[in-house]
Amino acid sequence: MKRKYFRLLALVFALAMLAGVLGGCSSEKSAAMFKVNGDKVSKADFMMYVFFTKCQIFSDELSNGSVSMSTLYQLPEEQLEEEVEIDVTFREYLKYLAASQAMSSVLMRQMAQDAGVKITKADKDELKAVKADFVETLGGAAAYNKFIKAIGSTDSAYDRYMTDVLYSEKLYELYADGEKFALTEPELAAGKEEFAKSYVTVRHILFNVIDLSSGNYLSAEEQAQAQVDADAVLALIRGGADFTEMMERYTAEANPAPFTFTEGEVLPEFEKAALKLAVGEVSDVVKTLYGYHIIIRDPLQTGGTAWENYKEILREQKYSADVQEMSDAANITTTKAYDKLKVS
């Protein structure tokens, strides 16, 4: 399986569109646009970021085929001069986003190198393979050379771009469990406290008002019966019947396992009723568009999918905070050439 190279974190745009083969270099293309802690971003480098930023902006259109990649090489002037905000043209917006990505990518490469990250031979071989795949997708070396020329970049700029993206991915991997920048025990403990404030674990008994085979609503009489059945089962539970036994016997759920959620992840009526419950407490009958529910709140699960997803958010937040800290301390200088550049 090929490495997942791209992440959408802070100002770094994720995009799996890979390119390269041949390409020359000129003094104009090697001219510095800006420097990040002394590392130069040339015009050729910057134009590669401009192109991939366009791909990110038009990702939906590229996916559905309404826009081809070649139409992004040079955008029409009227489109570039359209205002996207008051006194901000699309050209200016595009340039700002591309510069943000370029600066962030350089910073993350520097962070990765400072942390001892290396680009291995296996990494280089994989980059060559995905590059070859994209060249084939474009239609071969001639089509790729046309691409490089049209966007005003070079093949070596592509290689630098992809290497920096790989550094970014490798840097993020250092935040995984057991790695150099993994969440510490105090950070995990604090995260679990926050998790417990906003997440609940529940089970429920569902009496459907929808025909599962057709997706259509049941008749009015059948829906009324579902409510009668729900009321009857709730009465049994209130009278001492075991909730688990009742759930296994009556629920229409295909997999009646506990699930953990937070605000905005389930239907509003279900959410409102569940969040009111204490652990072990059973709700009244709750009506949603799916039917009638009887909900019980269980002790919070901190080892399931919801916690793992939340922990991934904590990891991304730590990563982004570290990138932001380095960004705030970075020495970034732009040139007159960058100020004068009009992207297209």
Protein backbone atom coordinates (compact mmCIF):
# COMPACT_ATOMS: atom_id res chain seq x y z
CA MET A 1 0.00 0.00 0.00
CA LYS A 2 1.34 3.40 -0.91
CA ARG A 3 2.05 5.84 1.89
CA LYS A 4 -0.66 8.38 2.57
CA TYR A 5 1.39 11.48 1.89
CA PHE A 6 -1.07 14.32 2.30
CA ARG A 7 -2.79 15.81 5.37
CA LEU A 8 -5.01 18.82 5.70
CA LEU A 9 -3.59 20.47 8.83
CA ALA A 10 -3.58 24.21 9.45
CA LEU A 11 -2.42 25.86 6.22
CA VAL A 12 -1.11 22.65 4.65
CA PHE A 13 -3.47 21.36 1.98
CA ALA A 14 -3.84 17.63 1.37
CA LEU A 15 -3.78 16.53 -2.25
CA ALA A 16 -2.70 13.25 -3.83
CA MET A 17 -1.77 14.54 -7.28
CA LEU A 18 1.80 13.67 -8.09
CA ALA A 19 3.92 14.81 -11.03
CA GLY A 20 7.40 14.88 -12.59
CA VAL A 21 9.97 13.57 -15.14
CA LEU A 22 12.06 16.13 -17.00
CA GLY A 23 12.41 19.88 -16.90
CA GLY A 24 14.97 22.60 -17.09
CA CYS A 25 15.94 25.43 -14.79
CA SER A 26 16.54 29.08 -15.57
CA SER A 27 17.89 31.95 -13.52
CA GLU A 28 14.37 33.40 -13.40
CA LYS A 29 12.92 30.16 -12.05
CA SER A 30 15.69 29.88 -9.46
CA ALA A 31 15.13 33.42 -8.17
CA ALA A 32 14.12 33.47 -4.50
CA MET A 33 10.53 34.35 -3.63
CA PHE A 34 11.11 34.17 0.11
CA LYS A 35 13.26 32.49 2.74
CA VAL A 36 12.15 30.52 5.80
CA ASN A 37 14.85 30.39 8.46
CA GLY A 38 17.38 30.80 5.68
CA ASP A 39 15.94 28.10 3.38
CA LYS A 40 15.07 29.53 -0.03
CA VAL A 41 11.81 28.99 -1.87
CA SER A 42 12.52 29.67 -5.54
CA LYS A 43 10.04 30.83 -8.14
CA ALA A 44 9.96 27.31 -9.60
CA ASP A 45 9.21 25.92 -6.14
CA PHE A 46 6.51 28.48 -5.53
CA MET A 47 4.79 27.87 -8.86
CA MET A 48 4.55 24.17 -7.97
CA TYR A 49 2.74 25.17 -4.78
CA VAL A 50 0.49 27.47 -6.78
CA PHE A 51 -0.52 24.60 -9.03
CA PHE A 52 -1.25 22.18 -6.19
CA THR A 53 -3.19 24.87 -4.37
CA LYS A 54 -5.37 25.24 -7.46
CA CYS A 55 -5.91 21.49 -7.40
CA GLN A 56 -7.04 21.74 -3.78
CA ILE A 57 -9.41 24.63 -4.50
CA PHE A 58 -10.92 22.81 -7.48
CA SER A 59 -10.75 19.30 -5.96
CA ASP A 60 -14.49 18.70 -6.31
CA GLU A 61 -14.49 19.77 -9.94
CA LEU A 62 -11.46 17.59 -10.67
CA SER A 63 -13.19 14.64 -9.01
CA ASN A 64 -16.45 14.97 -10.95
CA GLY A 65 -14.69 15.69 -14.25
CA SER A 66 -16.10 19.18 -14.78
CA VAL A 67 -12.54 20.55 -14.70
CA SER A 68 -9.46 18.88 -16.16
CA MET A 69 -6.02 19.26 -14.66
CA SER A 70 -4.73 20.99 -17.79
CA THR A 71 -7.30 23.78 -17.40
CA LEU A 72 -5.60 24.64 -14.10
CA TYR A 73 -2.20 25.24 -15.69
CA GLN A 74 -3.19 28.81 -16.57
CA LEU A 75 -6.51 30.18 -15.33
CA PRO A 76 -8.46 32.77 -17.37
CA GLU A 77 -7.73 36.39 -16.47
CA GLU A 78 -11.39 37.14 -15.79
CA GLN A 79 -11.49 34.34 -13.23
CA LEU A 80 -8.26 35.48 -11.58
CA GLU A 81 -9.54 39.04 -11.26
CA GLU A 82 -12.87 38.07 -9.69
CA GLU A 83 -13.35 39.36 -6.15
CA VAL A 84 -13.61 36.58 -3.58
CA GLU A 85 -13.79 39.04 -0.70
CA ILE A 86 -14.01 42.82 -0.55
CA ASP A 87 -10.94 44.17 -2.38
CA VAL A 88 -9.39 40.69 -2.61
CA THR A 89 -9.17 39.03 -6.01
CA PHE A 90 -8.99 35.32 -6.64
CA ARG A 91 -5.41 35.86 -7.88
CA GLU A 92 -4.42 37.42 -4.55
CA TYR A 93 -6.22 34.72 -2.61
CA LEU A 94 -4.50 31.98 -4.61
CA LYS A 95 -1.08 33.57 -4.09
CA TYR A 96 -1.67 33.88 -0.35
CA LEU A 97 -2.76 30.27 0.02
CA ALA A 98 0.17 28.97 -2.02
CA ALA A 99 2.63 31.05 0.01
CA SER A 100 1.08 29.79 3.24
CA GLN A 101 1.49 26.20 2.13
CA ALA A 102 5.04 26.73 0.93
CA MET A 103 6.12 28.37 4.18
CA SER A 104 4.38 25.73 6.31
CA SER A 105 5.90 22.89 4.31
CA VAL A 106 9.41 24.29 4.70
CA LEU A 107 8.86 24.71 8.44
CA MET A 108 7.67 21.13 8.81
CA ARG A 109 10.63 19.84 6.83
CA GLN A 110 12.91 21.76 9.18
CA MET A 111 11.08 20.38 12.23
CA ALA A 112 11.31 16.86 10.83
CA GLN A 113 15.03 17.18 10.15
CA ASP A 114 15.61 18.62 13.62
CA ALA A 115 13.80 15.56 15.01
CA GLY A 116 16.12 13.24 13.11
CA VAL A 117 13.74 12.24 10.30
CA LYS A 118 15.49 10.77 7.27
CA ILE A 119 14.29 10.10 3.73
CA THR A 120 15.23 6.47 3.17
CA LYS A 121 16.02 4.64 -0.04
CA ALA A 122 12.63 2.93 0.24
CA ASP A 123 10.99 6.37 0.49
CA LYS A 124 12.83 7.55 -2.61
CA ASP A 125 11.83 4.44 -4.53
CA GLU A 126 8.22 4.96 -3.57
CA LEU A 127 8.31 8.59 -4.66
CA LYS A 128 9.73 7.50 -8.00
CA ALA A 129 6.94 4.97 -8.39
CA VAL A 130 4.11 7.40 -7.70
CA LYS A 131 5.80 9.93 -9.97
CA ALA A 132 5.92 7.41 -12.78
CA ASP A 133 2.25 6.61 -12.22
CA PHE A 134 1.30 10.24 -12.59
CA VAL A 135 3.41 10.72 -15.68
CA GLU A 136 1.56 7.81 -17.22
CA THR A 137 -1.76 9.33 -16.16
CA LEU A 138 -0.82 12.59 -17.89
CA GLY A 139 -0.02 10.72 -21.07
CA GLY A 140 3.76 10.34 -20.87
CA ALA A 141 6.90 12.41 -20.62
CA ALA A 142 5.93 14.84 -23.38
CA ALA A 143 2.65 15.66 -21.67
CA TYR A 144 4.46 16.08 -18.38
CA ASN A 145 7.03 18.42 -19.92
CA LYS A 146 4.14 20.50 -21.25
CA PHE A 147 2.71 20.60 -17.73
CA ILE A 148 6.01 21.74 -16.20
CA LYS A 149 6.43 24.47 -18.81
CA ALA A 150 2.82 25.65 -18.55
CA ILE A 151 2.93 26.14 -14.78
CA GLY A 152 6.34 27.83 -14.91
CA SER A 153 8.16 25.29 -12.77
CA THR A 154 10.81 22.57 -13.04
CA ASP A 155 11.11 18.88 -12.44
CA SER A 156 13.52 19.42 -9.55
CA ALA A 157 10.94 21.76 -7.97
CA TYR A 158 8.44 18.93 -8.14
CA ASP A 159 10.90 16.61 -6.43
CA ARG A 160 11.50 19.15 -3.67
CA TYR A 161 7.76 19.65 -3.28
CA MET A 162 7.07 15.95 -2.90
CA THR A 163 10.01 15.44 -0.58
CA ASP A 164 8.72 18.20 1.69
CA VAL A 165 5.25 16.64 1.68
CA LEU A 166 6.86 13.37 2.71
CA TYR A 167 8.75 15.12 5.50
CA SER A 168 5.43 16.55 6.71
CA GLU A 169 3.87 13.08 6.82
CA LYS A 170 6.88 11.58 8.56
CA LEU A 171 6.82 14.41 11.09
CA TYR A 172 3.17 13.72 11.89
CA GLU A 173 3.97 10.04 12.37
CA LEU A 174 6.22 11.06 15.29
CA TYR A 175 3.04 12.06 17.18
CA ALA A 176 1.64 8.50 17.11
CA ASP A 177 1.53 6.39 20.26
CA GLY A 178 4.99 5.34 21.36
CA GLU A 179 6.78 7.81 19.08
CA LYS A 180 8.98 10.78 19.95
CA PHE A 181 6.21 13.39 20.23
CA ALA A 182 3.39 11.10 21.38
CA LEU A 183 0.78 12.43 23.76
CA THR A 184 2.18 12.29 27.28
CA GLU A 185 0.39 10.63 30.18
CA PRO A 186 -0.69 14.02 31.61
CA GLU A 187 -1.94 15.08 28.16
CA LEU A 188 -3.89 11.84 27.79
CA ALA A 189 -5.34 12.21 31.27
CA ALA A 190 -6.44 15.77 30.54
CA GLY A 191 -7.87 14.59 27.22
CA LYS A 192 -9.92 11.88 28.92
CA GLU A 193 -11.31 14.45 31.34
CA GLU A 194 -12.47 16.62 28.43
CA PHE A 195 -13.78 13.56 26.60
CA ALA A 196 -15.88 12.61 29.63
CA LYS A 197 -17.44 16.08 29.75
CA SER A 198 -18.94 15.89 26.29
CA TYR A 199 -19.33 12.19 25.35
CA VAL A 200 -21.80 9.58 26.57
CA THR A 201 -22.15 5.85 26.00
CA VAL A 202 -25.65 4.42 25.55
CA ARG A 203 -27.64 1.43 24.38
CA HIS A 204 -31.19 1.59 23.11
CA ILE A 205 -34.17 -0.48 22.18
CA LEU A 206 -35.64 0.62 18.86
CA PHE A 207 -39.17 0.00 17.66
CA ASN A 208 -39.01 0.80 13.95
CA VAL A 209 -41.50 2.86 12.00
CA ILE A 210 -39.61 2.15 8.78
CA ASP A 211 -39.65 -1.02 6.70
CA LEU A 212 -36.00 -2.04 6.65
CA SER A 213 -36.30 -3.91 3.36
CA SER A 214 -37.93 -1.08 1.36
CA GLY A 215 -36.96 2.01 3.33
CA ASN A 216 -40.59 3.14 3.33
CA TYR A 217 -42.54 4.18 6.39
CA LEU A 218 -44.88 1.61 7.88
CA SER A 219 -48.62 2.18 7.78
CA ALA A 220 -50.22 4.46 10.38
CA GLU A 221 -51.62 1.42 12.17
CA GLU A 222 -48.20 -0.27 12.30
CA GLN A 223 -46.55 2.90 13.55
CA ALA A 224 -49.18 3.22 16.28
CA GLN A 225 -48.51 -0.40 17.27
CA ALA A 226 -44.76 0.34 17.48
CA GLN A 227 -45.51 3.05 20.03
CA VAL A 228 -47.78 0.72 22.02
CA ASP A 229 -45.03 -1.92 22.03
CA ALA A 230 -42.42 0.62 23.16
CA ASP A 231 -44.66 1.80 26.03
CA ALA A 232 -45.27 -1.81 27.09
CA VAL A 233 -41.57 -2.71 27.14
CA LEU A 234 -40.71 0.46 29.04
CA ALA A 235 -43.32 -0.52 31.65
CA LEU A 236 -41.65 -3.93 31.99
CA ILE A 237 -38.25 -2.28 32.49
CA ARG A 238 -39.68 0.16 35.03
CA GLY A 239 -41.12 -2.88 36.79
CA GLY A 240 -37.71 -4.53 37.11
CA ALA A 241 -37.16 -6.35 33.79
CA ASP A 242 -33.52 -6.53 32.70
CA PHE A 243 -32.74 -3.91 30.05
CA THR A 244 -30.24 -6.12 28.25
CA GLU A 245 -32.72 -8.97 28.03
CA MET A 246 -35.45 -6.64 26.74
CA MET A 247 -33.05 -5.13 24.20
CA GLU A 248 -31.99 -8.52 22.87
CA ARG A 249 -35.62 -9.57 22.58
CA TYR A 250 -37.27 -6.47 21.13
CA THR A 251 -34.86 -4.05 19.45
CA ALA A 252 -34.95 -3.61 15.69
CA GLU A 253 -31.26 -2.68 15.70
CA ALA A 254 -29.11 -5.05 13.65
CA ASN A 255 -26.21 -4.63 16.10
CA PRO A 256 -27.50 -3.59 19.53
CA ALA A 257 -24.07 -2.75 20.95
CA PRO A 258 -23.22 0.24 23.14
CA PHE A 259 -22.14 3.32 21.22
CA THR A 260 -20.46 6.54 22.29
CA PHE A 261 -21.27 9.96 20.85
CA THR A 262 -21.20 13.68 21.49
CA GLU A 263 -23.34 16.66 20.49
CA GLY A 264 -24.30 16.81 16.83
CA GLU A 265 -23.59 13.17 16.01
CA VAL A 266 -27.07 11.68 16.46
CA LEU A 267 -30.64 12.84 15.92
CA PRO A 268 -31.53 15.85 18.12
CA GLU A 269 -34.37 14.12 19.98
CA PHE A 270 -32.16 11.14 20.77
CA GLU A 271 -29.26 13.37 21.81
CA LYS A 272 -31.39 15.55 24.11
CA ALA A 273 -32.85 12.55 25.92
CA ALA A 274 -29.54 10.68 26.25
CA LEU A 275 -27.55 13.63 27.57
CA LYS A 276 -30.05 14.10 30.40
CA LEU A 277 -29.54 10.58 31.74
CA ALA A 278 -27.33 9.58 34.62
CA VAL A 279 -25.31 6.38 34.29
CA GLY A 280 -27.69 3.44 34.66
CA GLU A 281 -30.79 5.59 34.11
CA VAL A 282 -33.43 4.66 31.51
CA SER A 283 -35.23 7.25 29.40
CA ASP A 284 -38.89 7.60 28.61
CA VAL A 285 -39.93 6.54 25.11
CA VAL A 286 -38.22 8.87 22.63
CA LYS A 287 -39.68 9.44 19.15
CA THR A 288 -37.37 10.07 16.19
CA LEU A 289 -37.85 9.71 12.46
CA TYR A 290 -36.64 6.10 12.77
CA GLY A 291 -39.14 5.08 15.41
CA TYR A 292 -39.50 4.80 19.18
CA HIS A 293 -36.44 4.42 21.38
CA ILE A 294 -35.84 3.41 24.99
CA ILE A 295 -32.35 4.55 25.99
CA ILE A 296 -30.07 3.53 28.84
CA ARG A 297 -26.88 5.36 29.67
CA ASP A 298 -23.87 3.13 30.31
CA PRO A 299 -20.50 3.99 31.88
CA LEU A 300 -18.43 5.94 29.37
CA GLN A 301 -16.32 3.75 27.08
CA THR A 302 -12.78 5.11 26.71
CA GLY A 303 -11.34 2.27 24.69
CA GLY A 304 -13.56 2.32 21.65
CA THR A 305 -13.72 4.09 18.31
CA ALA A 306 -15.03 7.37 19.71
CA TRP A 307 -12.09 7.72 22.09
CA GLU A 308 -9.57 6.75 19.41
CA ASN A 309 -11.05 9.38 17.08
CA TYR A 310 -10.93 11.94 19.88
CA LYS A 311 -7.34 11.01 20.66
CA GLU A 312 -6.49 11.56 16.99
CA ILE A 313 -7.95 15.07 17.32
CA LEU A 314 -5.74 15.65 20.37
CA ARG A 315 -2.74 14.42 18.40
CA GLU A 316 -3.53 16.76 15.50
CA GLN A 317 -3.98 19.65 17.92
CA LYS A 318 -0.59 18.99 19.50
CA TYR A 319 1.02 18.73 16.08
CA SER A 320 -0.61 21.93 14.86
CA ALA A 321 0.35 23.77 18.05
CA ASP A 322 3.98 22.76 17.61
CA VAL A 323 3.93 23.85 13.97
CA GLN A 324 2.33 27.15 14.98
CA GLU A 325 4.94 27.69 17.70
CA MET A 326 7.75 27.21 15.21
CA SER A 327 5.92 29.40 12.71
CA ASP A 328 5.62 32.21 15.26
CA ALA A 329 9.36 32.02 15.93
CA ALA A 330 10.36 31.64 12.27
CA ASN A 331 12.43 34.17 10.37
CA ILE A 332 10.50 34.62 7.12
CA THR A 333 11.58 37.20 4.59
CA THR A 334 10.03 37.90 1.19
CA THR A 335 11.66 39.46 -1.84
CA LYS A 336 10.69 42.15 -4.33
CA ALA A 337 10.34 39.37 -6.91
CA TYR A 338 7.61 37.78 -4.78
CA ASP A 339 5.85 41.10 -4.28
CA LYS A 340 5.77 41.69 -8.04
CA LEU A 341 4.73 38.17 -9.01
CA LYS A 342 1.27 37.79 -10.56
CA VAL A 343 0.19 34.17 -10.37
CA SER A 344 -1.98 32.67 -13.06
